[in-house]
């Protein structure tokens, strides 16, 4: 939110935050395919988590090559 050109913080009750998306369990292979993660990185994620992991774990541990225009 902006006010007079300055960012304004907003307080949100913790129970208002939906965590379902972050705790959803993904197939590591499917996650890598959907997020353009290369096979080397996919192998590292599979070694780290096995065949399944939560979205939060994958998002915070996956390194993706930059996409240049």
Protein backbone atom coordinates (compact mmCIF):
# COMPACT_ATOMS: atom_id res chain seq x y z
CA UNK A 1 0.00 0.00 0.00
CA UNK A 2 1.36 3.47 -0.86
CA UNK A 3 0.58 6.73 0.90
CA UNK A 4 2.16 9.95 -0.31
CA UNK A 5 4.88 8.03 -2.16
CA UNK A 6 5.84 6.01 0.94
CA UNK A 7 5.13 2.37 1.63
CA UNK A 8 2.76 1.75 4.52
CA UNK A 9 2.89 -1.51 6.43
CA UNK A 10 -0.30 -3.31 7.29
CA UNK A 11 -0.84 -5.63 10.25
CA UNK A 12 -2.38 -9.00 9.43
CA UNK A 13 -3.63 -11.45 12.03
CA UNK A 14 -1.68 -14.72 11.79
CA UNK A 15 -4.89 -16.74 11.53
CA UNK A 16 -5.88 -14.70 8.43
CA UNK A 17 -2.89 -15.99 6.47
CA UNK A 18 -3.64 -19.02 4.34
CA UNK A 19 -0.86 -21.57 4.67
CA UNK A 20 -2.50 -24.30 2.59
CA UNK A 21 -0.55 -23.39 -0.56
CA UNK A 22 2.81 -23.52 1.23
CA UNK A 23 2.09 -26.81 2.98
CA UNK A 24 0.78 -28.54 -0.15
CA UNK A 25 2.88 -31.61 -0.90
CA UNK A 26 4.33 -31.74 -4.41
CA UNK A 27 6.07 -34.36 -6.46
CA UNK A 28 9.60 -32.95 -6.77
CA UNK A 29 9.70 -33.96 -10.44
CA UNK A 30 6.40 -32.20 -11.22
CA UNK A 31 7.45 -29.08 -9.30
CA UNK A 32 10.71 -28.89 -11.26
CA UNK A 33 8.89 -29.27 -14.58
CA UNK A 34 6.40 -26.52 -13.74
CA UNK A 35 9.07 -24.09 -12.49
CA UNK A 36 11.70 -24.60 -15.24
CA UNK A 37 14.25 -26.12 -12.87
CA UNK A 38 17.07 -27.95 -14.67
CA UNK A 39 17.85 -31.64 -14.23
CA UNK A 40 20.96 -31.03 -12.08
CA UNK A 41 18.98 -28.98 -9.58
CA UNK A 42 16.15 -31.52 -9.73
CA UNK A 43 18.62 -34.28 -8.81
CA UNK A 44 19.81 -32.23 -5.81
CA UNK A 45 16.23 -31.65 -4.64
CA UNK A 46 15.43 -35.35 -5.01
CA UNK A 47 18.53 -36.22 -2.97
CA UNK A 48 17.58 -33.67 -0.31
CA UNK A 49 13.84 -34.43 0.02
CA UNK A 50 13.14 -37.69 -1.78
CA UNK A 51 10.24 -37.88 -4.26
CA UNK A 52 7.90 -35.52 -2.34
CA UNK A 53 8.25 -32.21 -0.46
CA UNK A 54 6.12 -29.26 0.58
CA UNK A 55 5.87 -26.25 -1.71
CA UNK A 56 7.60 -24.13 0.93
CA UNK A 57 10.58 -26.50 1.12
CA UNK A 58 10.93 -26.59 -2.64
CA UNK A 59 10.55 -22.84 -3.14
CA UNK A 60 13.15 -22.04 -0.49
CA UNK A 61 15.69 -24.62 -1.65
CA UNK A 62 15.42 -24.53 -5.45
CA UNK A 63 17.83 -22.42 -7.45
CA UNK A 64 16.54 -21.43 -10.84
CA UNK A 65 18.63 -20.05 -13.67
CA UNK A 66 17.80 -16.40 -14.44
CA UNK A 67 15.44 -15.83 -17.35
CA UNK A 68 16.80 -13.09 -19.58
CA UNK A 69 14.63 -11.30 -22.10
